[in-house]
Amino acid sequence: MERSVSKWSEINSSIQVDDDRKKWLRSYFKAQEALAAKDFSKARKIFTRLNKIEGYNDFEDNNQNLFMLIDIAVRGKTNRSLKIS
């Protein structure tokens, strides 16, 4: 599967979360871009920073499908499983 999104602005308006969480998603998007570019050091730094933010891990756990869609949009693949509720 090929990546379909090359800029955050292409999906930003479609995501319905508050501004703080949107910042987290933008950082996650940038980490996925770094992974796609094989810049593992940059990706690790971003993920480490995100993991230190209070509330981020719960947000990620409760929004797996959203994160999965970002993975696919940016990298063309994901390691996550679709959660059907």
PDB file of N, CA and C in Angstrom:
ATOM      1  N   MET A   1       0.849  -1.170   0.000  1.00  0.00           N
ATOM      2  CA  MET A   1       0.000   0.000   0.000  1.00  0.00           C
ATOM      3  C   MET A   1       0.901   1.242   0.000  1.00  0.00           C
ATOM      4  N   GLU A   2       0.597   2.214  -0.829  1.00  0.00           N
ATOM      5  CA  GLU A   2       1.388   3.437  -0.886  1.00  0.00           C
ATOM      6  C   GLU A   2       0.854   4.464   0.095  1.00  0.00           C
ATOM      7  N   ARG A   3       1.740   5.353   0.500  1.00  0.00           N
ATOM      8  CA  ARG A   3       1.306   6.427   1.383  1.00  0.00           C
ATOM      9  C   ARG A   3       0.432   7.381   0.594  1.00  0.00           C
ATOM     10  N   SER A   4      -0.561   7.932   1.242  1.00  0.00           N
ATOM     11  CA  SER A   4      -1.512   8.788   0.540  1.00  0.00           C
ATOM     12  C   SER A   4      -1.533  10.220   1.057  1.00  0.00           C
ATOM     13  N   VAL A   5      -0.866  10.479   2.166  1.00  0.00           N
ATOM     14  CA  VAL A   5      -0.859  11.818   2.754  1.00  0.00           C
ATOM     15  C   VAL A   5       0.589  12.254   2.922  1.00  0.00           C
ATOM     16  N   SER A   6       0.900  13.435   2.421  1.00  0.00           N
ATOM     17  CA  SER A   6       2.276  13.907   2.550  1.00  0.00           C
ATOM     18  C   SER A   6       2.392  15.127   3.452  1.00  0.00           C
ATOM     19  N   LYS A   7       1.254  15.706   3.834  1.00  0.00           N
ATOM     20  CA  LYS A   7       1.273  16.886   4.700  1.00  0.00           C
ATOM     21  C   LYS A   7       0.190  16.759   5.764  1.00  0.00           C
ATOM     22  N   TRP A   8       0.517  17.236   6.965  1.00  0.00           N
ATOM     23  CA  TRP A   8      -0.434  17.231   8.070  1.00  0.00           C
ATOM     24  C   TRP A   8      -1.705  17.981   7.685  1.00  0.00           C
ATOM     25  N   SER A   9      -1.574  19.063   6.947  1.00  0.00           N
ATOM     26  CA  SER A   9      -2.739  19.883   6.592  1.00  0.00           C
ATOM     27  C   SER A   9      -3.768  19.103   5.772  1.00  0.00           C
ATOM     28  N   GLU A  10      -3.344  18.026   5.146  1.00  0.00           N
ATOM     29  CA  GLU A  10      -4.269  17.219   4.348  1.00  0.00           C
ATOM     30  C   GLU A  10      -5.268  16.443   5.208  1.00  0.00           C
ATOM     31  N   ILE A  11      -4.926  16.192   6.462  1.00  0.00           N
ATOM     32  CA  ILE A  11      -5.848  15.449   7.324  1.00  0.00           C
ATOM     33  C   ILE A  11      -6.279  16.238   8.555  1.00  0.00           C
ATOM     34  N   ASN A  12      -5.605  17.318   8.848  1.00  0.00           N
ATOM     35  CA  ASN A  12      -5.863  18.103  10.053  1.00  0.00           C
ATOM     36  C   ASN A  12      -7.339  18.449  10.234  1.00  0.00           C
ATOM     37  N   SER A  13      -7.971  18.952   9.208  1.00  0.00           N
ATOM     38  CA  SER A  13      -9.364  19.398   9.334  1.00  0.00           C
ATOM     39  C   SER A  13     -10.346  18.237   9.498  1.00  0.00           C
ATOM     40  N   SER A  14      -9.930  17.033   9.172  1.00  0.00           N
ATOM     41  CA  SER A  14     -10.811  15.868   9.283  1.00  0.00           C
ATOM     42  C   SER A  14     -10.817  15.247  10.672  1.00  0.00           C
ATOM     43  N   ILE A  15      -9.872  15.666  11.515  1.00  0.00           N
ATOM     44  CA  ILE A  15      -9.742  15.071  12.841  1.00  0.00           C
ATOM     45  C   ILE A  15     -10.480  15.925  13.857  1.00  0.00           C
ATOM     46  N   GLN A  16     -11.411  15.311  14.565  1.00  0.00           N
ATOM     47  CA  GLN A  16     -12.261  16.025  15.513  1.00  0.00           C
ATOM     48  C   GLN A  16     -11.839  15.747  16.953  1.00  0.00           C
ATOM     49  N   VAL A  17     -10.769  16.414  17.391  1.00  0.00           N
ATOM     50  CA  VAL A  17     -10.311  16.331  18.777  1.00  0.00           C
ATOM     51  C   VAL A  17      -9.902  17.730  19.215  1.00  0.00           C
ATOM     52  N   ASP A  18      -9.699  17.914  20.523  1.00  0.00           N
ATOM     53  CA  ASP A  18      -9.310  19.238  21.008  1.00  0.00           C
ATOM     54  C   ASP A  18      -7.885  19.583  20.565  1.00  0.00           C
ATOM     55  N   ASP A  19      -7.514  20.846  20.754  1.00  0.00           N
ATOM     56  CA  ASP A  19      -6.233  21.338  20.246  1.00  0.00           C
ATOM     57  C   ASP A  19      -5.025  20.623  20.836  1.00  0.00           C
ATOM     58  N   ASP A  20      -5.051  20.311  22.138  1.00  0.00           N
ATOM     59  CA  ASP A  20      -3.916  19.608  22.740  1.00  0.00           C
ATOM     60  C   ASP A  20      -3.724  18.237  22.108  1.00  0.00           C
ATOM     61  N   ARG A  21      -4.797  17.519  21.950  1.00  0.00           N
ATOM     62  CA  ARG A  21      -4.698  16.185  21.358  1.00  0.00           C
ATOM     63  C   ARG A  21      -4.322  16.268  19.881  1.00  0.00           C
ATOM     64  N   LYS A  22      -4.757  17.318  19.218  1.00  0.00           N
ATOM     65  CA  LYS A  22      -4.375  17.507  17.823  1.00  0.00           C
ATOM     66  C   LYS A  22      -2.866  17.732  17.719  1.00  0.00           C
ATOM     67  N   LYS A  23      -2.289  18.417  18.702  1.00  0.00           N
ATOM     68  CA  LYS A  23      -0.828  18.605  18.730  1.00  0.00           C
ATOM     69  C   LYS A  23      -0.135  17.258  18.896  1.00  0.00           C
ATOM     70  N   TRP A  24      -0.696  16.405  19.753  1.00  0.00           N
ATOM     71  CA  TRP A  24      -0.121  15.067  19.938  1.00  0.00           C
ATOM     72  C   TRP A  24      -0.176  14.292  18.620  1.00  0.00           C
ATOM     73  N   LEU A  25      -1.310  14.378  17.932  1.00  0.00           N
ATOM     74  CA  LEU A  25      -1.462  13.663  16.669  1.00  0.00           C
ATOM     75  C   LEU A  25      -0.506  14.200  15.611  1.00  0.00           C
ATOM     76  N   ARG A  26      -0.290  15.500  15.614  1.00  0.00           N
ATOM     77  CA  ARG A  26       0.652  16.077  14.651  1.00  0.00           C
ATOM     78  C   ARG A  26       2.068  15.565  14.932  1.00  0.00           C
ATOM     79  N   SER A  27       2.433  15.493  16.198  1.00  0.00           N
ATOM     80  CA  SER A  27       3.747  14.940  16.544  1.00  0.00           C
ATOM     81  C   SER A  27       3.833  13.473  16.127  1.00  0.00           C
ATOM     82  N   TYR A  28       2.764  12.721  16.367  1.00  0.00           N
ATOM     83  CA  TYR A  28       2.732  11.317  15.958  1.00  0.00           C
ATOM     84  C   TYR A  28       2.877  11.213  14.439  1.00  0.00           C
ATOM     85  N   PHE A  29       2.194  12.084  13.712  1.00  0.00           N
ATOM     86  CA  PHE A  29       2.282  12.146  12.252  1.00  0.00           C
ATOM     87  C   PHE A  29       3.737  12.363  11.835  1.00  0.00           C
ATOM     88  N   LYS A  30       4.415  13.303  12.508  1.00  0.00           N
ATOM     89  CA  LYS A  30       5.820  13.588  12.186  1.00  0.00           C
ATOM     90  C   LYS A  30       6.713  12.382  12.482  1.00  0.00           C
ATOM     91  N   ALA A  31       6.405  11.664  13.546  1.00  0.00           N
ATOM     92  CA  ALA A  31       7.171  10.457  13.854  1.00  0.00           C
ATOM     93  C   ALA A  31       6.976   9.409  12.763  1.00  0.00           C
ATOM     94  N   GLN A  32       5.761   9.276  12.266  1.00  0.00           N
ATOM     95  CA  GLN A  32       5.494   8.328  11.185  1.00  0.00           C
ATOM     96  C   GLN A  32       6.212   8.747   9.903  1.00  0.00           C
ATOM     97  N   GLU A  33       6.275  10.063   9.650  1.00  0.00           N
ATOM     98  CA  GLU A  33       7.040  10.549   8.499  1.00  0.00           C
ATOM     99  C   GLU A  33       8.512  10.175   8.640  1.00  0.00           C
ATOM    100  N   ALA A  34       9.044  10.333   9.854  1.00  0.00           N
ATOM    101  CA  ALA A  34      10.446   9.978  10.103  1.00  0.00           C
ATOM    102  C   ALA A  34      10.663   8.481   9.867  1.00  0.00           C
ATOM    103  N   LEU A  35       9.728   7.650  10.324  1.00  0.00           N
ATOM    104  CA  LEU A  35       9.839   6.210  10.081  1.00  0.00           C
ATOM    105  C   LEU A  35       9.811   5.901   8.587  1.00  0.00           C
ATOM    106  N   ALA A  36       8.924   6.575   7.863  1.00  0.00           N
ATOM    107  CA  ALA A  36       8.825   6.362   6.418  1.00  0.00           C
ATOM    108  C   ALA A  36      10.130   6.740   5.723  1.00  0.00           C
ATOM    109  N   ALA A  37      10.818   7.755   6.260  1.00  0.00           N
ATOM    110  CA  ALA A  37      12.092   8.210   5.697  1.00  0.00           C
ATOM    111  C   ALA A  37      13.277   7.429   6.271  1.00  0.00           C
ATOM    112  N   LYS A  38      12.982   6.445   7.117  1.00  0.00           N
ATOM    113  CA  LYS A  38      13.998   5.619   7.784  1.00  0.00           C
ATOM    114  C   LYS A  38      14.915   6.439   8.692  1.00  0.00           C
ATOM    115  N   ASP A  39      14.369   7.524   9.242  1.00  0.00           N
ATOM    116  CA  ASP A  39      15.097   8.338  10.223  1.00  0.00           C
ATOM    117  C   ASP A  39      14.649   7.875  11.608  1.00  0.00           C
ATOM    118  N   PHE A  40      15.171   6.735  12.020  1.00  0.00           N
ATOM    119  CA  PHE A  40      14.729   6.093  13.252  1.00  0.00           C
ATOM    120  C   PHE A  40      15.094   6.889  14.496  1.00  0.00           C
ATOM    121  N   SER A  41      16.196   7.609  14.446  1.00  0.00           N
ATOM    122  CA  SER A  41      16.610   8.436  15.583  1.00  0.00           C
ATOM    123  C   SER A  41      15.593   9.543  15.843  1.00  0.00           C
ATOM    124  N   LYS A  42      15.168  10.219  14.784  1.00  0.00           N
ATOM    125  CA  LYS A  42      14.176  11.291  14.925  1.00  0.00           C
ATOM    126  C   LYS A  42      12.847  10.719  15.415  1.00  0.00           C
ATOM    127  N   ALA A  43      12.434   9.604  14.845  1.00  0.00           N
ATOM    128  CA  ALA A  43      11.174   8.979  15.254  1.00  0.00           C
ATOM    129  C   ALA A  43      11.222   8.606  16.732  1.00  0.00           C
ATOM    130  N   ARG A  44      12.324   8.017  17.165  1.00  0.00           N
ATOM    131  CA  ARG A  44      12.469   7.616  18.569  1.00  0.00           C
ATOM    132  C   ARG A  44      12.365   8.826  19.492  1.00  0.00           C
ATOM    133  N   LYS A  45      12.989   9.939  19.120  1.00  0.00           N
ATOM    134  CA  LYS A  45      12.930  11.158  19.938  1.00  0.00           C
ATOM    135  C   LYS A  45      11.494  11.646  20.082  1.00  0.00           C
ATOM    136  N   ILE A  46      10.761  11.635  18.977  1.00  0.00           N
ATOM    137  CA  ILE A  46       9.368  12.095  19.013  1.00  0.00           C
ATOM    138  C   ILE A  46       8.524  11.163  19.876  1.00  0.00           C
ATOM    139  N   PHE A  47       8.662   9.857  19.673  1.00  0.00           N
ATOM    140  CA  PHE A  47       7.888   8.898  20.461  1.00  0.00           C
ATOM    141  C   PHE A  47       8.226   8.991  21.944  1.00  0.00           C
ATOM    142  N   THR A  48       9.494   9.179  22.261  1.00  0.00           N
ATOM    143  CA  THR A  48       9.912   9.316  23.661  1.00  0.00           C
ATOM    144  C   THR A  48       9.277  10.546  24.287  1.00  0.00           C
ATOM    145  N   ARG A  49       9.284  11.653  23.560  1.00  0.00           N
ATOM    146  CA  ARG A  49       8.676  12.891  24.060  1.00  0.00           C
ATOM    147  C   ARG A  49       7.172  12.702  24.271  1.00  0.00           C
ATOM    148  N   LEU A  50       6.501  12.073  23.317  1.00  0.00           N
ATOM    149  CA  LEU A  50       5.063  11.843  23.452  1.00  0.00           C
ATOM    150  C   LEU A  50       4.746  10.962  24.657  1.00  0.00           C
ATOM    151  N   ASN A  51       5.529   9.931  24.864  1.00  0.00           N
ATOM    152  CA  ASN A  51       5.272   9.007  25.973  1.00  0.00           C
ATOM    153  C   ASN A  51       5.419   9.661  27.335  1.00  0.00           C
ATOM    154  N   LYS A  52       6.119  10.780  27.408  1.00  0.00           N
ATOM    155  CA  LYS A  52       6.303  11.492  28.675  1.00  0.00           C
ATOM    156  C   LYS A  52       5.152  12.453  28.983  1.00  0.00           C
ATOM    157  N   ILE A  53       4.280  12.692  28.020  1.00  0.00           N
ATOM    158  CA  ILE A  53       3.167  13.624  28.209  1.00  0.00           C
ATOM    159  C   ILE A  53       2.041  12.922  28.961  1.00  0.00           C
ATOM    160  N   GLU A  54       1.617  13.530  30.051  1.00  0.00           N
ATOM    161  CA  GLU A  54       0.535  12.948  30.846  1.00  0.00           C
ATOM    162  C   GLU A  54      -0.749  12.887  30.024  1.00  0.00           C
ATOM    163  N   GLY A  55      -1.345  11.723  29.967  1.00  0.00           N
ATOM    164  CA  GLY A  55      -2.597  11.532  29.248  1.00  0.00           C
ATOM    165  C   GLY A  55      -2.426  11.012  27.830  1.00  0.00           C
ATOM    166  N   TYR A  56      -1.219  11.121  27.276  1.00  0.00           N
ATOM    167  CA  TYR A  56      -1.019  10.697  25.886  1.00  0.00           C
ATOM    168  C   TYR A  56      -1.260   9.199  25.698  1.00  0.00           C
ATOM    169  N   ASN A  57      -0.682   8.387  26.562  1.00  0.00           N
ATOM    170  CA  ASN A  57      -0.815   6.932  26.392  1.00  0.00           C
ATOM    171  C   ASN A  57      -2.264   6.474  26.484  1.00  0.00           C
ATOM    172  N   ASP A  58      -3.037   7.066  27.386  1.00  0.00           N
ATOM    173  CA  ASP A  58      -4.465   6.731  27.470  1.00  0.00           C
ATOM    174  C   ASP A  58      -5.182   7.152  26.196  1.00  0.00           C
ATOM    175  N   PHE A  59      -4.851   8.336  25.690  1.00  0.00           N
ATOM    176  CA  PHE A  59      -5.460   8.820  24.452  1.00  0.00           C
ATOM    177  C   PHE A  59      -5.143   7.857  23.303  1.00  0.00           C
ATOM    178  N   GLU A  60      -3.890   7.435  23.214  1.00  0.00           N
ATOM    179  CA  GLU A  60      -3.503   6.499  22.155  1.00  0.00           C
ATOM    180  C   GLU A  60      -4.238   5.168  22.316  1.00  0.00           C
ATOM    181  N   ASP A  61      -4.286   4.652  23.533  1.00  0.00           N
ATOM    182  CA  ASP A  61      -4.970   3.377  23.783  1.00  0.00           C
ATOM    183  C   ASP A  61      -6.447   3.432  23.413  1.00  0.00           C
ATOM    184  N   ASN A  62      -7.082   4.566  23.641  1.00  0.00           N
ATOM    185  CA  ASN A  62      -8.517   4.713  23.388  1.00  0.00           C
ATOM    186  C   ASN A  62      -8.845   5.135  21.961  1.00  0.00           C
ATOM    187  N   ASN A  63      -7.826   5.395  21.155  1.00  0.00           N
ATOM    188  CA  ASN A  63      -8.041   5.854  19.775  1.00  0.00           C
ATOM    189  C   ASN A  63      -7.161   5.082  18.797  1.00  0.00           C
ATOM    190  N   GLN A  64      -7.043   3.777  19.014  1.00  0.00           N
ATOM    191  CA  GLN A  64      -6.174   2.942  18.176  1.00  0.00           C
ATOM    192  C   GLN A  64      -6.516   3.047  16.690  1.00  0.00           C
ATOM    193  N   ASN A  65      -7.789   3.110  16.363  1.00  0.00           N
ATOM    194  CA  ASN A  65      -8.180   3.167  14.955  1.00  0.00           C
ATOM    195  C   ASN A  65      -7.706   4.457  14.297  1.00  0.00           C
ATOM    196  N   LEU A  66      -7.764   5.563  15.017  1.00  0.00           N
ATOM    197  CA  LEU A  66      -7.282   6.840  14.487  1.00  0.00           C
ATOM    198  C   LEU A  66      -5.779   6.772  14.230  1.00  0.00           C
ATOM    199  N   PHE A  67      -5.037   6.232  15.176  1.00  0.00           N
ATOM    200  CA  PHE A  67      -3.589   6.103  15.010  1.00  0.00           C
ATOM    201  C   PHE A  67      -3.265   5.140  13.867  1.00  0.00           C
ATOM    202  N   MET A  68      -4.054   4.090  13.729  1.00  0.00           N
ATOM    203  CA  MET A  68      -3.861   3.140  12.644  1.00  0.00           C
ATOM    204  C   MET A  68      -4.053   3.824  11.291  1.00  0.00           C
ATOM    205  N   LEU A  69      -5.063   4.664  11.188  1.00  0.00           N
ATOM    206  CA  LEU A  69      -5.309   5.379   9.936  1.00  0.00           C
ATOM    207  C   LEU A  69      -4.173   6.337   9.602  1.00  0.00           C
ATOM    208  N   ILE A  70      -3.610   6.986  10.616  1.00  0.00           N
ATOM    209  CA  ILE A  70      -2.462   7.870  10.379  1.00  0.00           C
ATOM    210  C   ILE A  70      -1.274   7.042   9.889  1.00  0.00           C
ATOM    211  N   ASP A  71      -1.032   5.891  10.510  1.00  0.00           N
ATOM    212  CA  ASP A  71       0.054   5.005  10.064  1.00  0.00           C
ATOM    213  C   ASP A  71      -0.090   4.689   8.576  1.00  0.00           C
ATOM    214  N   ILE A  72      -1.273   4.260   8.203  1.00  0.00           N
ATOM    215  CA  ILE A  72      -1.521   3.853   6.820  1.00  0.00           C
ATOM    216  C   ILE A  72      -1.421   5.044   5.876  1.00  0.00           C
ATOM    217  N   ALA A  73      -1.963   6.186   6.281  1.00  0.00           N
ATOM    218  CA  ALA A  73      -1.920   7.368   5.422  1.00  0.00           C
ATOM    219  C   ALA A  73      -0.493   7.838   5.173  1.00  0.00           C
ATOM    220  N   VAL A  74       0.349   7.751   6.192  1.00  0.00           N
ATOM    221  CA  VAL A  74       1.715   8.265   6.063  1.00  0.00           C
ATOM    222  C   VAL A  74       2.680   7.214   5.519  1.00  0.00           C
ATOM    223  N   ARG A  75       2.638   5.998   6.081  1.00  0.00           N
ATOM    224  CA  ARG A  75       3.622   4.975   5.719  1.00  0.00           C
ATOM    225  C   ARG A  75       3.087   3.921   4.757  1.00  0.00           C
ATOM    226  N   GLY A  76       1.762   3.882   4.607  1.00  0.00           N
ATOM    227  CA  GLY A  76       1.179   2.869   3.742  1.00  0.00           C
ATOM    228  C   GLY A  76       0.995   1.527   4.421  1.00  0.00           C
ATOM    229  N   LYS A  77       1.260   1.457   5.741  1.00  0.00           N
ATOM    230  CA  LYS A  77       1.083   0.212   6.492  1.00  0.00           C
ATOM    231  C   LYS A  77       0.972   0.539   7.973  1.00  0.00           C
ATOM    232  N   THR A  78       0.540  -0.454   8.734  1.00  0.00           N
ATOM    233  CA  THR A  78       0.438  -0.304  10.181  1.00  0.00           C
ATOM    234  C   THR A  78       0.736  -1.639  10.846  1.00  0.00           C
ATOM    235  N   ASN A  79       1.132  -1.582  12.096  1.00  0.00           N
ATOM    236  CA  ASN A  79       1.326  -2.791  12.895  1.00  0.00           C
ATOM    237  C   ASN A  79       0.178  -2.968  13.884  1.00  0.00           C
ATOM    238  N   ARG A  80      -0.781  -2.076  13.824  1.00  0.00           N
ATOM    239  CA  ARG A  80      -1.920  -2.097  14.745  1.00  0.00           C
ATOM    240  C   ARG A  80      -3.040  -2.969  14.184  1.00  0.00           C
ATOM    241  N   SER A  81      -3.907  -3.429  15.073  1.00  0.00           N
ATOM    242  CA  SER A  81      -5.079  -4.203  14.673  1.00  0.00           C
ATOM    243  C   SER A  81      -6.315  -3.331  14.795  1.00  0.00           C
ATOM    244  N   LEU A  82      -7.213  -3.479  13.862  1.00  0.00           N
ATOM    245  CA  LEU A  82      -8.464  -2.729  13.875  1.00  0.00           C
ATOM    246  C   LEU A  82      -9.294  -3.154  15.073  1.00  0.00           C
ATOM    247  N   LYS A  83      -9.756  -2.156  15.843  1.00  0.00           N
ATOM    248  CA  LYS A  83     -10.622  -2.442  16.994  1.00  0.00           C
ATOM    249  C   LYS A  83     -12.056  -2.113  16.607  1.00  0.00           C
ATOM    250  N   ILE A  84     -12.899  -3.105  16.663  1.00  0.00           N
ATOM    251  CA  ILE A  84     -14.313  -2.911  16.352  1.00  0.00           C
ATOM    252  C   ILE A  84     -15.078  -2.911  17.663  1.00  0.00           C
ATOM    253  N   SER A  85     -15.824  -1.816  17.895  1.00  0.00           N
ATOM    254  CA  SER A  85     -16.560  -1.728  19.166  1.00  0.00           C
ATOM    255  C   SER A  85     -18.028  -1.984  18.982  1.00  0.00           C
TER     256      SER A  85
END
